[in-house]
Amino acid sequence: MYTRLLNPTPDHSFLLFGPRGTGKTTWIKNKYPNAIYIDLLNSETYKELIANPNNLSSLIPSNFTDFIIIDEVQRVPELLNEVHRLIESPERHKFILTGSSARKLRKQGVNLLAGRAYTYKMYPLIASELKDDFSLQKSLQFGTLPTVCSASDPNKYLQSYLTTYLEQEINQEGMTRNLSGFYRFLQVASFSQGSPINMSSIARETYTQNKVVENYFSILEDLLIGSFLPSFTKRAKRRLKLRPKFYFFDAGIYNTARPKGYLDKTSEIDGIALETLFLTHLKAIDEYYNLHYLFSYFKTASDLEVDFIAYGENGFHAFEIKLTKNIHSKHLNGLKAFARDYPEAKLYLIYMGDQKLYYGNITVLPIKEALLNLDKILTA
């Protein structure tokens, strides 16, 4: 098992969100071996607690002082009211609640324990967690979900993830009755990964309406399978592309969702996979080190672009990601344009080469070095 960087505050209740397969259950069972473990994926436990949420207290021995873990709490949202009561009871019970979807919790307007439990997120494994086991090529093709990193057939696991898991989640939560339409949407969305999203264009390609496409995207967001990346508009001095971009949470999920044909260029697919891998690392480092960055992208009306902007009280960084081993002057144009508008930003070009280079105020870093040292970059 890999050591994760996530480090919650000791002796305080918390919610842990993250997509299925990121290792939440394995991590909490290893980190909290003396905790009571309540699995809502177990059909008997689920039936008992959905019928009578107040039976939760009967699963806790008297004078128990360790954590009580409730896995996949979104399956029985009503439990949060009971958890709230038990946290504030004379026994002051401590809870760890995991979830792979916030949709049902939010939709039912249940008590989210504001102020009584902290919220954390878990991401796929990152380079500094994998250490010597980190393989750039494997990560680009299959992503870094823990099971993928140890699976004998990662392709089979990823295919199962997108079919079995998504179908179960979507059916369980009654998100959509048109699974075939949703899978068609997934494929079209994968072609749009890393580009400003055009809802109308995707609606035409999926033979549906804009509102349906918007709902499909919200499903992916609520299942934590993907997220939007907004345009950076602070103190804008020029016309910008304002539509948000969309990224799946893991390079392997993106690669699996994206149909491939004879005319597809491997470089185009790998380029987006590289962006996805880097964004996963950005978000994970931000979460695990409690940095509170806001992430966005920069693109002018004339198509000068910077892939990722990290902006917050801890720094201001611009990252351009290139699937190339050789740097040409044209690769620097987006960062130079950004620097003219935002001279305060630290500029990085991340590439597939082996040497650390400098072009004026732009630092060029090999991708593996950048991923392994991203915590130092964002906390410098």
Foldseek 3Di string as FASTA:
>chain_A
DWDDLADDDPPAAAEEEEFPLQCPVVVCCVVQVPEAEAECVPPVSVVVCLVPVLCVVVSDDPPDAGEHEYEACLSRLQNVVVVLCCCPPPSNHHYYYYHLFCVSNVVVVGDPCVPRHYYAYGAFDFCQRCPPLDDPVQCLAANRRPCLSVPPCSLVVLLCCVPVVVVVVCVSVVLDPCVVLLLQLLQVLLVQALHQDDLVVSCVSSVHDSVVSVSSVVVCVRSVQKDWAFEDPPQDDAAWDTGTHMHGQGSNNSNSSHDDDPPDDPQVSSQSSLLNSVVNLVVSLCRSVVPPWRWHWTAGPVGQTFRIWTDDPQFTETEREDADQDDDPVSCRSVVVVCVSPVRYQAEYEYCHDDWDDDPRYTYYHNSVCRNCVNVVSRD
